[in-house]
Every structure is written in C-alpha cells, then in structure tokens.
C-alpha atoms as a PDB file:
ATOM      1  CA  MET A   1       0.000   0.000   0.000  1.00  0.00           C
ATOM      2  CA  GLU A   2       1.305   3.410  -0.927  1.00  0.00           C
ATOM      3  CA  ASN A   3       2.091   5.852   1.830  1.00  0.00           C
ATOM      4  CA  ASN A   4       0.748   9.133   0.564  1.00  0.00           C
ATOM      5  CA  GLN A   5      -1.381  11.988   1.853  1.00  0.00           C
ATOM      6  CA  LEU A   6      -4.628  10.308   0.804  1.00  0.00           C
ATOM      7  CA  ASN A   7      -3.898   7.363   3.118  1.00  0.00           C
ATOM      8  CA  SER A   8      -3.316   9.619   6.090  1.00  0.00           C
ATOM      9  CA  PRO A   9      -6.177  10.103   8.578  1.00  0.00           C
ATOM     10  CA  LYS A  10      -5.134  13.754   8.820  1.00  0.00           C
ATOM     11  CA  VAL A  11      -6.565  14.356   5.365  1.00  0.00           C
ATOM     12  CA  PHE A  12     -10.073  14.133   6.862  1.00  0.00           C
ATOM     13  CA  LEU A  13      -9.481  16.695   9.589  1.00  0.00           C
ATOM     14  CA  HIS A  14     -10.248  20.329   9.117  1.00  0.00           C
ATOM     15  CA  LYS A  15      -8.236  23.037  10.825  1.00  0.00           C
ATOM     16  CA  GLY A  16      -8.715  22.725  14.595  1.00  0.00           C
ATOM     17  CA  GLN A  17     -10.530  19.413  14.367  1.00  0.00           C
ATOM     18  CA  GLY A  18      -9.044  16.581  16.404  1.00  0.00           C
ATOM     19  CA  LYS A  19      -6.983  18.924  18.542  1.00  0.00           C
ATOM     20  CA  ASP A  20      -7.918  20.460  21.864  1.00  0.00           C
ATOM     21  CA  THR A  21      -7.389  24.151  22.240  1.00  0.00           C
ATOM     22  CA  LYS A  22      -5.401  25.311  25.259  1.00  0.00           C
ATOM     23  CA  GLU A  23      -8.597  26.636  26.799  1.00  0.00           C
ATOM     24  CA  GLN A  24     -10.298  23.243  26.444  1.00  0.00           C
ATOM     25  CA  VAL A  25      -7.299  21.496  27.988  1.00  0.00           C
ATOM     26  CA  PHE A  26      -7.196  23.926  30.920  1.00  0.00           C
ATOM     27  CA  ARG A  27     -10.946  23.585  31.496  1.00  0.00           C
ATOM     28  CA  THR A  28     -10.699  19.788  31.426  1.00  0.00           C
ATOM     29  CA  GLN A  29      -7.746  19.810  33.815  1.00  0.00           C
ATOM     30  CA  LEU A  30      -9.540  22.180  36.202  1.00  0.00           C
ATOM     31  CA  LYS A  31     -12.626  19.934  36.249  1.00  0.00           C
ATOM     32  CA  THR A  32     -10.462  16.855  36.828  1.00  0.00           C
ATOM     33  CA  ILE A  33      -8.651  18.481  39.761  1.00  0.00           C
ATOM     34  CA  PHE A  34     -11.886  19.804  41.255  1.00  0.00           C
ATOM     35  CA  GLN A  35     -13.560  16.379  41.033  1.00  0.00           C
ATOM     36  CA  TYR A  36     -10.515  14.581  42.463  1.00  0.00           C
ATOM     37  CA  LEU A  37     -10.386  16.940  45.453  1.00  0.00           C
ATOM     38  CA  GLN A  38     -14.114  16.462  46.060  1.00  0.00           C
ATOM     39  CA  GLU A  39     -13.382  12.831  46.925  1.00  0.00           C
ATOM     40  CA  HIS A  40      -9.811  13.038  48.263  1.00  0.00           C
ATOM     41  CA  ILE A  41      -7.727  15.242  50.538  1.00  0.00           C
ATOM     42  CA  ALA A  42      -4.336  15.537  48.862  1.00  0.00           C
ATOM     43  CA  THR A  43      -1.338  17.747  48.163  1.00  0.00           C
ATOM     44  CA  ALA A  44      -0.645  19.168  44.713  1.00  0.00           C
ATOM     45  CA  SER A  45       2.043  16.499  44.184  1.00  0.00           C
ATOM     46  CA  MET A  46      -0.386  13.735  45.118  1.00  0.00           C
ATOM     47  CA  VAL A  47      -3.046  15.156  42.773  1.00  0.00           C
ATOM     48  CA  SER A  48      -0.465  15.335  39.996  1.00  0.00           C
ATOM     49  CA  ALA A  49       0.531  11.699  40.498  1.00  0.00           C
ATOM     50  CA  ALA A  50      -3.104  10.554  40.555  1.00  0.00           C
ATOM     51  CA  THR A  51      -4.341  12.573  37.574  1.00  0.00           C
ATOM     52  CA  GLY A  52      -1.262  13.003  35.382  1.00  0.00           C
ATOM     53  CA  ILE A  53      -1.728  16.784  35.352  1.00  0.00           C
ATOM     54  CA  PRO A  54       1.563  18.671  35.798  1.00  0.00           C
ATOM     55  CA  GLN A  55       2.058  20.091  39.285  1.00  0.00           C
ATOM     56  CA  LYS A  56       2.664  23.599  37.901  1.00  0.00           C
ATOM     57  CA  ASN A  57      -0.812  23.559  36.382  1.00  0.00           C
ATOM     58  CA  ILE A  58      -2.308  22.307  39.637  1.00  0.00           C
ATOM     59  CA  CYS A  59      -0.726  25.206  41.544  1.00  0.00           C
ATOM     60  CA  ARG A  60      -2.302  27.672  39.121  1.00  0.00           C
ATOM     61  CA  TYR A  61      -5.737  26.057  39.416  1.00  0.00           C
ATOM     62  CA  LYS A  62      -5.327  25.949  43.204  1.00  0.00           C
ATOM     63  CA  ARG A  63      -4.875  29.713  43.279  1.00  0.00           C
ATOM     64  CA  ASP A  64      -7.865  30.266  40.995  1.00  0.00           C
ATOM     65  CA  LEU A  65     -10.121  27.972  43.042  1.00  0.00           C
ATOM     66  CA  GLU A  66      -9.012  29.599  46.314  1.00  0.00           C
ATOM     67  CA  LYS A  67      -9.868  33.060  44.973  1.00  0.00           C
ATOM     68  CA  VAL A  68     -13.478  32.033  44.314  1.00  0.00           C
ATOM     69  CA  GLY A  69     -13.808  30.124  47.597  1.00  0.00           C
ATOM     70  CA  ARG A  70     -14.032  26.631  46.056  1.00  0.00           C
ATOM     71  CA  LEU A  71     -10.802  25.161  47.511  1.00  0.00           C
ATOM     72  CA  TYR A  72      -9.504  25.101  51.058  1.00  0.00           C
ATOM     73  CA  GLU A  73      -6.174  24.152  52.612  1.00  0.00           C
ATOM     74  CA  ILE A  74      -6.978  21.672  55.381  1.00  0.00           C
ATOM     75  CA  GLU A  75      -3.611  21.246  57.084  1.00  0.00           C
ATOM     76  CA  LYS A  76       0.092  21.480  56.407  1.00  0.00           C
ATOM     77  CA  LYS A  77       1.999  18.271  57.045  1.00  0.00           C
ATOM     78  CA  LEU A  78       4.425  15.916  55.326  1.00  0.00           C
ATOM     79  CA  CYS A  79       3.309  14.954  51.830  1.00  0.00           C
ATOM     80  CA  LYS A  80       2.984  11.200  51.335  1.00  0.00           C
ATOM     81  CA  LYS A  81       4.417  11.582  47.818  1.00  0.00           C
ATOM     82  CA  THR A  82       7.398  13.922  48.332  1.00  0.00           C
ATOM     83  CA  GLY A  83       8.134  13.733  52.065  1.00  0.00           C
ATOM     84  CA  PHE A  84       8.187  17.543  52.278  1.00  0.00           C
ATOM     85  CA  LYS A  85       5.749  19.720  54.199  1.00  0.00           C
ATOM     86  CA  ALA A  86       2.835  20.743  51.994  1.00  0.00           C
ATOM     87  CA  TRP A  87      -0.798  21.795  52.238  1.00  0.00           C
ATOM     88  CA  TYR A  88      -3.452  19.103  52.015  1.00  0.00           C
ATOM     89  CA  LEU A  89      -6.289  20.434  49.862  1.00  0.00           C
ATOM     90  CA  THR A  90      -9.989  19.809  49.353  1.00  0.00           C
ATOM     91  CA  THR A  91     -12.842  21.190  47.275  1.00  0.00           C
ATOM     92  CA  ASN A  92     -15.461  19.408  49.378  1.00  0.00           C
ATOM     93  CA  PRO A  93     -17.367  22.170  51.237  1.00  0.00           C
ATOM     94  CA  ASP A  94     -18.353  19.672  53.966  1.00  0.00           C
ATOM     95  CA  LEU A  95     -14.685  19.564  54.974  1.00  0.00           C
ATOM     96  CA  PHE A  96     -14.135  23.343  55.009  1.00  0.00           C
ATOM     97  CA  PRO A  97     -13.614  24.612  58.559  1.00  0.00           C
ATOM     98  CA  ALA A  98     -16.396  26.771  59.931  1.00  0.00           C
ATOM     99  CA  ILE A  99     -15.575  30.426  59.375  1.00  0.00           C
ATOM    100  CA  VAL A 100     -16.354  32.519  62.410  1.00  0.00           C
ATOM    101  CA  GLU A 101     -17.645  35.951  61.456  1.00  0.00           C
ATOM    102  CA  PRO A 102     -16.488  38.758  63.759  1.00  0.00           C
ATOM    103  CA  SER A 103     -19.208  40.255  65.880  1.00  0.00           C
ATOM    104  CA  ASN A 104     -20.478  43.697  64.932  1.00  0.00           C
ATOM    105  CA  THR A 105     -20.939  44.632  68.548  1.00  0.00           C
ATOM    106  CA  VAL A 106     -18.074  45.918  70.605  1.00  0.00           C
ATOM    107  CA  LYS A 107     -17.787  44.586  74.120  1.00  0.00           C
ATOM    108  CA  LEU A 108     -16.004  46.718  76.678  1.00  0.00           C
END
C-alpha cells in the first residue's frame, strides 16, 4: 500500500478538528482536579501523580479555586508523595472549617 497523503487520517481533519485548544485542555484539567479533590484530601504532588496533570498547572488552578472560595487548605503536614511539608487540599465544602464571622458589637 502506498504511503501518501490520501492514506493519512489527517486528510479528513479540518483546521482545529481533532486537537484540543489550550482553553479546552485547561478547562478539562480544572474539572479533573476539582472532582478529584471532592473525593480526596491531597497535596498538589499527590493530585499530579493521581491525575497526570503537571504540578505547575495544579498550583495555578489551586490559586484560581481559592480566589473564588471553592478550595480550602486543610492542614500542612508531610506529603505522602514527596516527604516535604505541603498543604493538604480539598474542594469538598463539607470539609471546610467553619468560618467565624467577627461580631459587629463591641464589648467593653
């Protein structure tokens, strides 16, 4: 069989078809991280090992999720993956610590 352009599966793809855009990849990674942390408490390194998403990306998503109040750092202790101190994270609101609002009244 000849190896030419007509035999290539790429000939059937239009521009952009078959490839994820960066935005689609980032959105998919964010959803994967969010879902994983709904069911697990883990460090960024542990999430990376479990999902295959690079740790640098996880750190960026962590910051974004923290800003909108969807991720919380539970405790800082030795990471089971790296052995270094790191924050254990969750996106499960049932595990978020209760936030105590300051009282509006002043007691003397």
